[in-house]
Amino acid sequence: MYAIYRQVYGDKGLFMNLLYHCVEGIPVEENKRLDNRGTIVKDLQPEGHFSLSSYDGQDLFFIEMPFFFVCIYNDILKIVDVELMRKAFSVNDSFMYWQEWELFVEHHIAFRINLAIKMRENELSLRNLHPGAYGTKENLDIIIKLKELGIWEASREQFPLNLNLTDNSDGSKIPWDNGHCVVVNGTSAEPRNIFYVMEDVSGVFYIIMCQNKNKWDYGSNKMTEKNVSDEDEKNFNSVKHSELHGIKIITIIFTTQPYEGSENLPEILIVSKDNFKSYFGPVFSA
């Protein structure tokens, strides 16, 4: 283990690039260059950090890294400033519980956006930020300015009915409207959703409100179009009756159940059992 820390500390740019291709599920050739010195993917295989799996029978491969190594990389590269294994992805008796699932989604959003920024991406479409998600072409084509995200957990307040949010750990004020925060609602809030503010390239501000519905696929029930529309309407009404003004809403529904209905609902993105692998990628969907 100490060898991994030493290697990654010694060449952060190289291993950041390797991690990016792994997390984003970008297929590579074995001789893909990862730095200016000419280090290629195949050169790093003997280190034992990852394996390669064939992509569609071509001369392309997915980089598959154990999640434990992703956590070690994050400890060093500081993609998100937390210990991933302890904070976001803990399990108990092989089950992930309600609160931890929401923390997982929150950390996954921050991790991917912050990693893209470290790879010198300044803006991305919602299609690229939420790969595989169902939604209208108009919504998925929105280009968002990227800002590094910090991770916050509200105390007892419920956004957007209460805009004065305090952090659950120390009571400090959460600057949720500065575009640098992804926040999970307080433990007493219902629903305990996730939200963050983003600005598109034309200066329009959006609140992205993530709803985690029917997290465990008991009986393989389906998430219906009506279920999805009802959740979006709840979000719309909650913002309408708040003190928020001049901001648009996009709802993202996360469900482990299959989705049945239109894949082109305005102002709604859907991540379901059907597109989990596309959305979370090979590391986080495993």
Protein backbone atom coordinates (compact mmCIF):
# COMPACT_ATOMS: atom_id res chain seq x y z
CA MET A 1 0.00 0.00 0.00
CA TYR A 2 2.80 2.41 0.83
CA ALA A 3 4.18 1.84 -2.67
CA ILE A 4 0.90 3.09 -4.18
CA TYR A 5 0.99 6.27 -2.08
CA ARG A 6 4.61 6.87 -3.06
CA GLN A 7 3.95 6.31 -6.76
CA VAL A 8 0.90 8.59 -6.94
CA TYR A 9 2.52 11.32 -4.82
CA GLY A 10 5.53 11.17 -7.13
CA ASP A 11 3.58 11.83 -10.34
CA LYS A 12 0.16 13.29 -9.59
CA GLY A 13 -0.52 14.47 -13.15
CA LEU A 14 0.08 11.03 -14.65
CA PHE A 15 -2.13 9.21 -12.17
CA MET A 16 -4.82 11.92 -12.35
CA ASN A 17 -5.06 11.23 -16.09
CA LEU A 18 -5.23 7.49 -15.48
CA LEU A 19 -7.98 7.97 -12.89
CA TYR A 20 -9.96 10.25 -15.22
CA HIS A 21 -10.05 7.67 -18.02
CA CYS A 22 -11.02 5.00 -15.50
CA VAL A 23 -13.83 6.90 -13.74
CA GLU A 24 -15.29 8.31 -16.96
CA GLY A 25 -15.21 4.90 -18.66
CA ILE A 26 -13.22 6.22 -21.62
CA PRO A 27 -11.90 3.30 -23.73
CA VAL A 28 -8.18 3.53 -24.49
CA GLU A 29 -5.54 1.76 -26.55
CA GLU A 30 -2.78 0.02 -24.63
CA ASN A 31 -0.32 2.53 -26.09
CA LYS A 32 -2.41 5.57 -25.09
CA ARG A 33 -0.03 8.30 -23.89
CA LEU A 34 -0.81 9.64 -20.44
CA ASP A 35 1.87 12.32 -20.04
CA ASN A 36 4.41 14.41 -21.95
CA ARG A 37 7.19 11.91 -21.25
CA GLY A 38 5.46 9.26 -23.35
CA THR A 39 4.24 7.02 -20.51
CA ILE A 40 1.56 4.76 -21.95
CA VAL A 41 -1.21 2.76 -20.31
CA LYS A 42 0.64 -0.52 -20.78
CA ASP A 43 3.66 0.86 -18.89
CA LEU A 44 1.56 1.20 -15.72
CA GLN A 45 -0.06 -2.24 -15.77
CA PRO A 46 2.77 -3.96 -13.86
CA GLU A 47 2.10 -1.62 -10.91
CA GLY A 48 -1.10 -3.61 -10.25
CA HIS A 49 -3.41 -0.61 -9.78
CA PHE A 50 -5.80 -1.65 -12.55
CA SER A 51 -6.69 -4.21 -15.18
CA LEU A 52 -7.84 -3.79 -18.78
CA SER A 53 -11.07 -5.24 -20.15
CA SER A 54 -11.84 -5.45 -23.85
CA TYR A 55 -14.18 -2.86 -25.34
CA ASP A 56 -16.50 -4.27 -28.04
CA GLY A 57 -13.86 -6.67 -29.29
CA GLN A 58 -11.76 -3.83 -30.69
CA ASP A 59 -8.21 -2.84 -29.84
CA LEU A 60 -9.64 -0.63 -27.13
CA PHE A 61 -9.89 -1.31 -23.42
CA PHE A 62 -11.61 -0.02 -20.31
CA ILE A 63 -9.35 0.76 -17.36
CA GLU A 64 -10.82 -1.10 -14.40
CA MET A 65 -9.53 0.00 -11.01
CA PRO A 66 -10.69 -1.45 -7.67
CA PHE A 67 -12.70 1.09 -5.73
CA PHE A 68 -10.24 0.81 -2.84
CA PHE A 69 -7.51 2.19 -5.11
CA VAL A 70 -9.80 5.03 -6.24
CA CYS A 71 -10.10 6.00 -2.56
CA ILE A 72 -6.32 5.95 -2.16
CA TYR A 73 -5.90 8.10 -5.27
CA ASN A 74 -8.43 10.58 -3.85
CA ASP A 75 -6.59 10.73 -0.52
CA ILE A 76 -3.56 12.01 -2.44
CA LEU A 77 -5.08 13.94 -5.34
CA LYS A 78 -7.84 15.60 -3.23
CA ILE A 79 -10.57 15.37 -5.86
CA VAL A 80 -13.03 15.73 -2.98
CA ASP A 81 -11.68 16.73 0.40
CA VAL A 82 -12.99 13.74 2.35
CA GLU A 83 -12.02 10.14 2.93
CA LEU A 84 -14.31 8.45 0.41
CA MET A 85 -14.25 5.00 1.95
CA ARG A 86 -15.22 6.29 5.40
CA LYS A 87 -17.55 9.17 4.59
CA ALA A 88 -19.59 8.33 1.52
CA PHE A 89 -19.44 4.65 0.76
CA SER A 90 -19.61 2.88 4.10
CA VAL A 91 -21.76 -0.22 4.34
CA ASN A 92 -23.06 -2.33 7.22
CA ASP A 93 -23.63 -6.06 6.82
CA SER A 94 -23.39 -5.65 3.02
CA PHE A 95 -26.24 -3.10 2.89
CA MET A 96 -26.09 0.59 2.04
CA TYR A 97 -28.71 2.50 4.00
CA TRP A 98 -30.97 5.45 3.02
CA GLN A 99 -28.72 8.20 4.33
CA GLU A 100 -25.57 6.64 2.90
CA TRP A 101 -27.14 6.26 -0.55
CA GLU A 102 -27.86 10.00 -0.65
CA LEU A 103 -24.33 10.76 0.52
CA PHE A 104 -23.03 8.45 -2.21
CA VAL A 105 -24.91 10.37 -4.91
CA GLU A 106 -23.75 13.70 -3.44
CA HIS A 107 -20.10 12.66 -3.36
CA HIS A 108 -20.28 11.11 -6.83
CA ILE A 109 -21.55 14.41 -8.31
CA ALA A 110 -18.79 16.42 -6.62
CA PHE A 111 -16.10 13.86 -7.48
CA ARG A 112 -16.82 13.84 -11.22
CA ILE A 113 -17.16 17.61 -11.54
CA ASN A 114 -13.99 18.29 -9.53
CA LEU A 115 -12.06 15.67 -11.48
CA ALA A 116 -13.14 17.27 -14.77
CA ILE A 117 -11.90 20.65 -13.50
CA LYS A 118 -8.54 19.15 -12.54
CA MET A 119 -8.37 17.84 -16.11
CA ARG A 120 -8.73 21.49 -17.25
CA GLU A 121 -12.37 21.31 -18.31
CA ASN A 122 -14.07 24.68 -17.85
CA GLU A 123 -17.55 23.81 -19.10
CA LEU A 124 -19.53 20.70 -19.96
CA SER A 125 -23.01 19.89 -21.20
CA LEU A 126 -25.53 18.29 -18.88
CA ARG A 127 -25.28 15.33 -21.26
CA ASN A 128 -21.62 14.88 -20.32
CA LEU A 129 -22.13 15.71 -16.66
CA HIS A 130 -24.95 13.16 -16.43
CA PRO A 131 -24.01 10.50 -19.01
CA GLY A 132 -26.78 8.13 -20.01
CA ALA A 133 -29.49 10.08 -18.15
CA TYR A 134 -32.85 10.31 -19.89
CA GLY A 135 -33.95 13.83 -20.76
CA THR A 136 -34.84 16.17 -23.59
CA LYS A 137 -32.18 17.16 -26.11
CA GLU A 138 -32.73 20.79 -25.15
CA ASN A 139 -31.95 20.12 -21.48
CA LEU A 140 -29.08 17.72 -22.09
CA ASP A 141 -27.42 20.21 -24.46
CA ILE A 142 -27.29 22.97 -21.82
CA ILE A 143 -23.63 23.95 -21.36
CA ILE A 144 -22.73 24.54 -17.72
CA LYS A 145 -19.78 26.48 -16.32
CA LEU A 146 -17.82 24.22 -14.00
CA LYS A 147 -16.98 25.27 -10.45
CA GLU A 148 -15.21 23.13 -7.87
CA LEU A 149 -17.74 21.69 -5.45
CA GLY A 150 -17.50 21.32 -1.71
CA ILE A 151 -19.71 18.78 0.07
CA TRP A 152 -22.18 19.93 2.71
CA GLU A 153 -24.83 18.29 4.85
CA ALA A 154 -27.50 20.61 6.23
CA SER A 155 -28.44 20.37 9.88
CA ARG A 156 -32.22 20.26 10.23
CA GLU A 157 -33.32 22.82 7.66
CA GLN A 158 -35.25 21.90 4.54
CA PHE A 159 -34.34 23.68 1.33
CA PRO A 160 -35.91 25.62 -0.40
CA LEU A 161 -38.48 26.47 2.30
CA ASN A 162 -35.58 27.58 4.48
CA LEU A 163 -32.72 29.34 2.68
CA ASN A 164 -30.61 29.83 5.83
CA LEU A 165 -28.86 26.49 5.93
CA THR A 166 -26.28 25.47 8.54
CA ASP A 167 -23.73 22.70 8.33
CA ASN A 168 -24.53 19.58 10.35
CA SER A 169 -20.94 19.20 11.59
CA ASP A 170 -20.21 22.64 13.05
CA GLY A 171 -23.26 24.88 12.61
CA SER A 172 -21.52 27.18 10.13
CA LYS A 173 -23.56 28.87 7.41
CA ILE A 174 -23.71 26.98 4.10
CA PRO A 175 -23.00 29.33 1.15
CA TRP A 176 -25.24 27.21 -1.07
CA ASP A 177 -25.85 29.96 -3.64
CA ASN A 178 -22.21 30.56 -4.63
CA GLY A 179 -22.09 27.66 -7.09
CA HIS A 180 -19.41 25.83 -5.11
CA CYS A 181 -21.66 23.66 -2.92
CA VAL A 182 -23.50 20.40 -3.33
CA VAL A 183 -25.84 20.01 -0.35
CA VAL A 184 -27.92 17.20 1.08
CA ASN A 185 -30.98 18.37 3.03
CA GLY A 186 -31.08 17.97 6.80
CA THR A 187 -31.93 14.64 8.42
CA SER A 188 -35.39 15.88 9.44
CA ALA A 189 -36.23 17.06 5.93
CA GLU A 190 -38.65 15.11 3.79
CA PRO A 191 -37.66 14.43 1.14
CA ARG A 192 -33.96 14.41 2.00
CA ASN A 193 -32.92 15.53 -1.45
CA ILE A 194 -29.67 16.86 -2.87
CA PHE A 195 -29.27 20.17 -4.63
CA TYR A 196 -26.67 22.47 -6.13
CA VAL A 197 -26.64 25.71 -8.12
CA MET A 198 -25.05 25.93 -11.56
CA GLU A 199 -24.77 28.68 -14.19
CA ASP A 200 -24.89 28.05 -17.92
CA VAL A 201 -22.66 29.80 -20.46
CA SER A 202 -25.37 32.37 -21.24
CA GLY A 203 -25.68 33.42 -17.60
CA VAL A 204 -28.85 31.52 -16.68
CA PHE A 205 -28.83 30.01 -13.18
CA TYR A 206 -30.28 26.60 -12.39
CA ILE A 207 -31.03 24.74 -9.20
CA ILE A 208 -30.33 21.08 -9.84
CA MET A 209 -32.56 19.15 -7.42
CA CYS A 210 -31.79 15.44 -7.09
CA GLN A 211 -34.49 13.15 -5.76
CA ASN A 212 -33.57 9.64 -4.61
CA LYS A 213 -36.66 7.48 -5.04
CA ASN A 214 -37.28 3.78 -4.32
CA LYS A 215 -33.62 3.12 -3.79
CA TRP A 216 -33.84 -0.62 -3.47
CA ASP A 217 -35.46 -2.67 -6.17
CA TYR A 218 -37.83 -4.70 -4.01
CA GLY A 219 -40.10 -6.80 -6.23
CA SER A 220 -38.69 -5.13 -9.37
CA ASN A 221 -41.46 -2.51 -9.30
CA LYS A 222 -41.19 0.15 -11.97
CA MET A 223 -40.78 3.89 -11.61
CA THR A 224 -43.57 5.36 -13.73
CA GLU A 225 -43.76 8.59 -15.68
CA LYS A 226 -46.43 9.80 -13.27
CA ASN A 227 -44.14 9.16 -10.28
CA VAL A 228 -41.43 11.20 -11.96
CA SER A 229 -43.76 14.05 -12.94
CA ASP A 230 -45.19 14.18 -9.41
CA GLU A 231 -41.70 14.60 -7.93
CA ASP A 232 -40.88 17.36 -10.40
CA GLU A 233 -44.13 19.14 -9.53
CA LYS A 234 -43.25 18.95 -5.82
CA ASN A 235 -39.91 20.59 -6.56
CA PHE A 236 -41.55 23.28 -8.70
CA ASN A 237 -44.10 24.08 -6.00
CA SER A 238 -41.51 24.14 -3.22
CA VAL A 239 -39.45 26.70 -5.14
CA LYS A 240 -42.56 28.66 -6.14
CA HIS A 241 -43.52 29.08 -2.48
CA SER A 242 -40.00 29.98 -1.38
CA GLU A 243 -38.07 33.25 -1.56
CA LEU A 244 -36.10 32.08 -4.60
CA HIS A 245 -36.53 34.21 -7.69
CA GLY A 246 -35.13 34.27 -11.21
CA ILE A 247 -33.76 30.76 -11.16
CA LYS A 248 -34.72 27.72 -13.22
CA ILE A 249 -35.19 24.20 -11.88
CA ILE A 250 -33.99 20.89 -13.27
CA THR A 251 -35.02 17.76 -11.39
CA ILE A 252 -32.87 14.63 -11.50
CA ILE A 253 -34.59 11.44 -10.38
CA PHE A 254 -32.36 8.62 -9.12
CA THR A 255 -34.01 5.21 -8.73
CA THR A 256 -32.73 1.63 -8.65
CA GLN A 257 -35.99 0.53 -10.23
CA PRO A 258 -36.57 0.27 -14.00
CA TYR A 259 -38.21 3.34 -15.51
CA GLU A 260 -41.36 3.10 -17.62
CA GLY A 261 -42.50 6.17 -19.56
CA SER A 262 -41.31 8.97 -21.79
CA GLU A 263 -37.56 9.56 -21.79
CA ASN A 264 -38.07 13.16 -22.93
CA LEU A 265 -39.75 15.00 -20.07
CA PRO A 266 -38.90 18.73 -19.97
CA GLU A 267 -36.73 19.95 -17.09
CA ILE A 268 -36.35 16.35 -15.83
CA LEU A 269 -33.38 13.97 -16.05
CA ILE A 270 -33.85 10.33 -15.05
CA VAL A 271 -31.20 7.91 -13.80
CA SER A 272 -32.75 4.46 -13.32
CA LYS A 273 -31.74 0.82 -13.13
CA ASP A 274 -31.66 0.81 -16.94
CA ASN A 275 -28.89 3.41 -17.27
CA PHE A 276 -27.02 3.09 -13.97
CA LYS A 277 -23.86 1.75 -15.59
CA SER A 278 -23.75 4.54 -18.16
CA TYR A 279 -24.28 7.17 -15.48
CA PHE A 280 -22.07 5.94 -12.65
CA GLY A 281 -19.39 4.39 -14.86
CA PRO A 282 -17.48 1.15 -14.38
CA VAL A 283 -16.09 2.05 -10.94
CA PHE A 284 -19.13 3.40 -9.11
CA SER A 285 -21.74 1.10 -10.69
CA ALA A 286 -19.86 -2.09 -9.79
